[in-house]
Amino acid sequence: VQKLLGELLVSTTLLTATLKFEGSITIQLQGDGPVSLAVINGDHNQQVRGVARWEGDIADDASLHEMMGKGYLVITIEPKKGERYQGVVGLEGENLTEVLEGYFA
């Protein structure tokens, strides 16, 4: 779970570094596996925070699908001024990198 949160943290930090406005980005994973929720929020000042919700013991080498089961990646962009945007895709891919590639494809 720590590794998954670390990957989400890096992904969120990289995306917030590209923001050309004041606001925040939230990357959230939701699933029906032992890890039901993993979320990181970051803003244009590079302030980040995150949390995960899980049940039971999870192996350090568990794959994304072993942790999350079937689920979704949700990316929310919230500018201080303007419209909020939210995109949702299924957890298609072997790891978070592939899921994010699918989101941006």
N, C-alpha and C. Protein backbone atom coordinates (compact mmCIF):
# COMPACT_ATOMS: atom_id res chain seq x y z
N VAL A 1 0.84 -1.19 0.00
CA VAL A 1 0.00 0.00 0.00
C VAL A 1 0.88 1.25 0.00
N GLN A 2 1.99 1.20 0.73
CA GLN A 2 2.91 2.34 0.74
C GLN A 2 3.46 2.62 -0.65
N LYS A 3 3.80 1.56 -1.39
CA LYS A 3 4.33 1.73 -2.74
C LYS A 3 3.27 2.36 -3.65
N LEU A 4 2.03 1.90 -3.53
CA LEU A 4 0.94 2.45 -4.34
C LEU A 4 0.74 3.93 -4.04
N LEU A 5 0.72 4.28 -2.75
CA LEU A 5 0.57 5.69 -2.39
C LEU A 5 1.76 6.51 -2.89
N GLY A 6 2.95 5.92 -2.85
CA GLY A 6 4.13 6.61 -3.37
C GLY A 6 4.02 6.88 -4.87
N GLU A 7 3.54 5.89 -5.62
CA GLU A 7 3.35 6.08 -7.06
C GLU A 7 2.30 7.15 -7.34
N LEU A 8 1.22 7.14 -6.57
CA LEU A 8 0.19 8.17 -6.72
C LEU A 8 0.74 9.54 -6.37
N LEU A 9 1.56 9.61 -5.33
CA LEU A 9 2.17 10.87 -4.91
C LEU A 9 3.04 11.45 -6.02
N VAL A 10 3.88 10.62 -6.61
CA VAL A 10 4.75 11.08 -7.70
C VAL A 10 3.91 11.52 -8.89
N SER A 11 2.91 10.74 -9.25
CA SER A 11 2.05 11.09 -10.39
C SER A 11 1.33 12.42 -10.15
N THR A 12 0.79 12.59 -8.96
CA THR A 12 0.07 13.83 -8.65
C THR A 12 1.03 15.01 -8.64
N THR A 13 2.20 14.84 -8.08
CA THR A 13 3.19 15.92 -8.03
C THR A 13 3.61 16.33 -9.44
N LEU A 14 3.83 15.36 -10.31
CA LEU A 14 4.19 15.68 -11.69
C LEU A 14 3.07 16.43 -12.40
N LEU A 15 1.84 16.00 -12.19
CA LEU A 15 0.71 16.68 -12.84
C LEU A 15 0.50 18.09 -12.29
N THR A 16 0.63 18.27 -10.98
CA THR A 16 0.44 19.61 -10.42
C THR A 16 1.55 20.55 -10.85
N ALA A 17 2.73 20.02 -11.14
CA ALA A 17 3.83 20.87 -11.61
C ALA A 17 3.52 21.46 -12.98
N THR A 18 2.61 20.85 -13.72
CA THR A 18 2.26 21.35 -15.05
C THR A 18 1.08 22.32 -15.03
N LEU A 19 0.48 22.52 -13.86
CA LEU A 19 -0.68 23.42 -13.79
C LEU A 19 -0.28 24.84 -14.18
N LYS A 20 -1.08 25.44 -14.99
CA LYS A 20 -0.85 26.83 -15.41
C LYS A 20 -1.88 27.75 -14.76
N PHE A 21 -2.49 27.27 -13.69
CA PHE A 21 -3.49 28.04 -12.95
C PHE A 21 -3.42 27.65 -11.48
N GLU A 22 -4.04 28.45 -10.63
CA GLU A 22 -4.13 28.10 -9.22
C GLU A 22 -5.26 27.10 -9.05
N GLY A 23 -4.95 26.02 -8.39
CA GLY A 23 -5.96 24.99 -8.19
C GLY A 23 -5.31 23.69 -7.73
N SER A 24 -6.07 22.61 -7.85
CA SER A 24 -5.57 21.33 -7.36
C SER A 24 -5.94 20.20 -8.30
N ILE A 25 -5.23 19.10 -8.14
CA ILE A 25 -5.50 17.86 -8.86
C ILE A 25 -5.60 16.75 -7.82
N THR A 26 -6.61 15.91 -7.98
CA THR A 26 -6.77 14.74 -7.13
C THR A 26 -6.75 13.50 -8.01
N ILE A 27 -5.90 12.54 -7.65
CA ILE A 27 -5.89 11.24 -8.33
C ILE A 27 -6.39 10.22 -7.32
N GLN A 28 -7.42 9.50 -7.72
CA GLN A 28 -8.08 8.57 -6.80
C GLN A 28 -8.25 7.21 -7.47
N LEU A 29 -7.96 6.16 -6.73
CA LEU A 29 -8.22 4.80 -7.17
C LEU A 29 -9.30 4.22 -6.26
N GLN A 30 -10.32 3.64 -6.85
CA GLN A 30 -11.39 2.98 -6.10
C GLN A 30 -11.52 1.57 -6.64
N GLY A 31 -11.68 0.61 -5.75
CA GLY A 31 -11.81 -0.76 -6.22
C GLY A 31 -12.56 -1.64 -5.25
N ASP A 32 -12.78 -2.90 -5.68
CA ASP A 32 -13.48 -3.85 -4.84
C ASP A 32 -12.52 -4.86 -4.20
N GLY A 33 -11.22 -4.57 -4.25
CA GLY A 33 -10.21 -5.44 -3.66
C GLY A 33 -9.92 -5.07 -2.22
N PRO A 34 -8.86 -5.64 -1.65
CA PRO A 34 -8.49 -5.33 -0.26
C PRO A 34 -8.22 -3.84 -0.04
N VAL A 35 -7.68 -3.17 -1.06
CA VAL A 35 -7.52 -1.71 -1.00
C VAL A 35 -8.73 -1.13 -1.72
N SER A 36 -9.64 -0.53 -0.96
CA SER A 36 -10.86 0.00 -1.57
C SER A 36 -10.70 1.44 -2.04
N LEU A 37 -9.69 2.13 -1.49
CA LEU A 37 -9.51 3.54 -1.82
C LEU A 37 -8.05 3.94 -1.63
N ALA A 38 -7.51 4.66 -2.59
CA ALA A 38 -6.20 5.31 -2.46
C ALA A 38 -6.33 6.64 -3.17
N VAL A 39 -6.00 7.72 -2.48
CA VAL A 39 -6.21 9.05 -3.06
C VAL A 39 -5.09 9.99 -2.64
N ILE A 40 -4.63 10.80 -3.59
CA ILE A 40 -3.65 11.85 -3.33
C ILE A 40 -4.19 13.14 -3.93
N ASN A 41 -4.07 14.22 -3.18
CA ASN A 41 -4.48 15.55 -3.65
C ASN A 41 -3.26 16.45 -3.60
N GLY A 42 -3.04 17.20 -4.67
CA GLY A 42 -1.93 18.15 -4.72
C GLY A 42 -2.38 19.46 -5.33
N ASP A 43 -1.72 20.54 -4.94
CA ASP A 43 -2.11 21.84 -5.49
C ASP A 43 -0.95 22.53 -6.20
N HIS A 44 -1.22 23.71 -6.75
CA HIS A 44 -0.24 24.46 -7.53
C HIS A 44 0.98 24.86 -6.71
N ASN A 45 0.88 24.83 -5.38
CA ASN A 45 2.02 25.13 -4.50
C ASN A 45 2.82 23.88 -4.15
N GLN A 46 2.49 22.76 -4.80
CA GLN A 46 3.15 21.48 -4.55
C GLN A 46 2.91 20.96 -3.13
N GLN A 47 1.80 21.32 -2.53
CA GLN A 47 1.40 20.76 -1.25
C GLN A 47 0.54 19.54 -1.55
N VAL A 48 0.91 18.39 -0.97
CA VAL A 48 0.20 17.15 -1.25
C VAL A 48 -0.21 16.46 0.04
N ARG A 49 -1.26 15.68 -0.08
CA ARG A 49 -1.71 14.86 1.04
C ARG A 49 -2.42 13.65 0.46
N GLY A 50 -2.44 12.58 1.22
CA GLY A 50 -3.07 11.38 0.70
C GLY A 50 -3.52 10.44 1.80
N VAL A 51 -4.31 9.47 1.39
CA VAL A 51 -4.84 8.49 2.33
C VAL A 51 -5.20 7.22 1.56
N ALA A 52 -5.18 6.10 2.25
CA ALA A 52 -5.61 4.83 1.66
C ALA A 52 -6.47 4.09 2.68
N ARG A 53 -7.40 3.32 2.16
CA ARG A 53 -8.27 2.49 3.01
C ARG A 53 -8.12 1.04 2.54
N TRP A 54 -7.78 0.15 3.46
CA TRP A 54 -7.62 -1.26 3.11
C TRP A 54 -8.00 -2.14 4.27
N GLU A 55 -8.19 -3.43 3.95
CA GLU A 55 -8.51 -4.44 4.95
C GLU A 55 -7.51 -5.57 4.84
N GLY A 56 -7.06 -6.07 5.99
CA GLY A 56 -6.18 -7.22 6.02
C GLY A 56 -4.75 -6.90 5.66
N ASP A 57 -3.95 -7.97 5.60
CA ASP A 57 -2.55 -7.85 5.23
C ASP A 57 -2.42 -7.90 3.71
N ILE A 58 -1.56 -7.05 3.19
CA ILE A 58 -1.33 -7.00 1.75
C ILE A 58 0.17 -7.16 1.52
N ALA A 59 0.52 -8.11 0.67
CA ALA A 59 1.93 -8.39 0.39
C ALA A 59 2.60 -7.17 -0.23
N ASP A 60 3.87 -6.98 0.12
CA ASP A 60 4.64 -5.85 -0.42
C ASP A 60 4.74 -5.89 -1.94
N ASP A 61 4.72 -7.11 -2.50
CA ASP A 61 4.86 -7.24 -3.96
C ASP A 61 3.51 -7.43 -4.67
N ALA A 62 2.42 -7.12 -3.99
CA ALA A 62 1.09 -7.28 -4.59
C ALA A 62 0.95 -6.36 -5.81
N SER A 63 0.32 -6.88 -6.84
CA SER A 63 0.10 -6.09 -8.05
C SER A 63 -1.05 -5.11 -7.83
N LEU A 64 -1.19 -4.19 -8.75
CA LEU A 64 -2.29 -3.23 -8.68
C LEU A 64 -3.63 -3.95 -8.61
N HIS A 65 -3.81 -4.97 -9.45
CA HIS A 65 -5.09 -5.68 -9.48
C HIS A 65 -5.30 -6.55 -8.25
N GLU A 66 -4.22 -7.07 -7.68
CA GLU A 66 -4.35 -7.83 -6.42
C GLU A 66 -4.78 -6.90 -5.29
N MET A 67 -4.32 -5.66 -5.32
CA MET A 67 -4.70 -4.71 -4.27
C MET A 67 -6.08 -4.11 -4.51
N MET A 68 -6.33 -3.66 -5.73
CA MET A 68 -7.54 -2.88 -6.02
C MET A 68 -8.70 -3.71 -6.55
N GLY A 69 -8.43 -4.87 -7.12
CA GLY A 69 -9.49 -5.63 -7.77
C GLY A 69 -10.00 -4.87 -8.98
N LYS A 70 -11.29 -4.97 -9.23
CA LYS A 70 -11.90 -4.21 -10.32
C LYS A 70 -12.24 -2.83 -9.80
N GLY A 71 -11.94 -1.82 -10.60
CA GLY A 71 -12.22 -0.48 -10.10
C GLY A 71 -11.96 0.60 -11.12
N TYR A 72 -11.77 1.80 -10.61
CA TYR A 72 -11.67 2.99 -11.44
C TYR A 72 -10.54 3.90 -10.99
N LEU A 73 -10.01 4.63 -11.96
CA LEU A 73 -9.10 5.75 -11.72
C LEU A 73 -9.93 7.01 -11.95
N VAL A 74 -9.90 7.92 -10.99
CA VAL A 74 -10.62 9.18 -11.11
C VAL A 74 -9.61 10.31 -10.97
N ILE A 75 -9.57 11.20 -11.95
CA ILE A 75 -8.72 12.39 -11.86
C ILE A 75 -9.64 13.60 -11.85
N THR A 76 -9.48 14.41 -10.82
CA THR A 76 -10.29 15.61 -10.67
C THR A 76 -9.38 16.83 -10.71
N ILE A 77 -9.69 17.77 -11.58
CA ILE A 77 -8.95 19.03 -11.69
C ILE A 77 -9.88 20.13 -11.20
N GLU A 78 -9.43 20.86 -10.19
CA GLU A 78 -10.25 21.91 -9.59
C GLU A 78 -9.52 23.25 -9.61
N PRO A 79 -9.75 24.05 -10.64
CA PRO A 79 -9.15 25.40 -10.64
C PRO A 79 -9.87 26.28 -9.62
N LYS A 80 -9.12 27.21 -9.01
CA LYS A 80 -9.76 28.13 -8.07
C LYS A 80 -10.82 28.96 -8.79
N LYS A 81 -10.56 29.27 -10.05
CA LYS A 81 -11.53 30.00 -10.86
C LYS A 81 -11.88 29.14 -12.07
N GLY A 82 -13.14 28.93 -12.30
CA GLY A 82 -13.55 28.15 -13.45
C GLY A 82 -14.21 26.85 -13.07
N GLU A 83 -14.43 26.04 -14.08
CA GLU A 83 -15.16 24.80 -13.93
C GLU A 83 -14.28 23.66 -13.43
N ARG A 84 -14.84 22.83 -12.58
CA ARG A 84 -14.20 21.61 -12.12
C ARG A 84 -14.34 20.57 -13.22
N TYR A 85 -13.30 19.75 -13.41
CA TYR A 85 -13.33 18.69 -14.41
C TYR A 85 -13.01 17.37 -13.73
N GLN A 86 -13.74 16.32 -14.09
CA GLN A 86 -13.46 15.00 -13.55
C GLN A 86 -13.51 13.97 -14.67
N GLY A 87 -12.46 13.15 -14.75
CA GLY A 87 -12.40 12.08 -15.73
C GLY A 87 -12.28 10.74 -15.02
N VAL A 88 -12.95 9.73 -15.56
CA VAL A 88 -12.98 8.41 -14.94
C VAL A 88 -12.67 7.35 -16.00
N VAL A 89 -11.75 6.43 -15.67
CA VAL A 89 -11.47 5.28 -16.53
C VAL A 89 -11.35 4.03 -15.66
N GLY A 90 -11.56 2.88 -16.28
CA GLY A 90 -11.38 1.62 -15.57
C GLY A 90 -9.91 1.35 -15.30
N LEU A 91 -9.64 0.50 -14.34
CA LEU A 91 -8.26 0.13 -14.02
C LEU A 91 -7.77 -0.90 -15.03
N GLU A 92 -7.51 -0.44 -16.24
CA GLU A 92 -7.02 -1.29 -17.32
C GLU A 92 -5.52 -1.10 -17.44
N GLY A 93 -4.79 -2.17 -17.19
CA GLY A 93 -3.33 -2.11 -17.24
C GLY A 93 -2.75 -2.89 -16.08
N GLU A 94 -1.48 -3.23 -16.21
CA GLU A 94 -0.82 -4.04 -15.19
C GLU A 94 -0.38 -3.23 -13.97
N ASN A 95 -0.21 -1.92 -14.16
CA ASN A 95 0.28 -1.09 -13.06
C ASN A 95 -0.29 0.32 -13.22
N LEU A 96 0.03 1.18 -12.27
CA LEU A 96 -0.51 2.53 -12.30
C LEU A 96 -0.05 3.30 -13.53
N THR A 97 1.18 3.09 -13.95
CA THR A 97 1.69 3.77 -15.14
C THR A 97 0.83 3.45 -16.36
N GLU A 98 0.50 2.19 -16.56
CA GLU A 98 -0.32 1.80 -17.70
C GLU A 98 -1.74 2.34 -17.58
N VAL A 99 -2.28 2.39 -16.38
CA VAL A 99 -3.62 2.95 -16.17
C VAL A 99 -3.62 4.43 -16.53
N LEU A 100 -2.59 5.16 -16.08
CA LEU A 100 -2.50 6.58 -16.41
C LEU A 100 -2.29 6.81 -17.91
N GLU A 101 -1.49 5.95 -18.54
CA GLU A 101 -1.31 6.06 -20.00
C GLU A 101 -2.65 5.89 -20.70
N GLY A 102 -3.46 4.95 -20.24
CA GLY A 102 -4.79 4.74 -20.81
C GLY A 102 -5.69 5.93 -20.60
N TYR A 103 -5.56 6.57 -19.46
CA TYR A 103 -6.37 7.75 -19.17
C TYR A 103 -6.05 8.88 -20.15
N PHE A 104 -4.78 9.09 -20.41
CA PHE A 104 -4.36 10.21 -21.25
C PHE A 104 -4.37 9.88 -22.74
N ALA A 105 -4.63 8.61 -23.09
CA ALA A 105 -4.64 8.22 -24.51
C ALA A 105 -5.90 8.70 -25.22
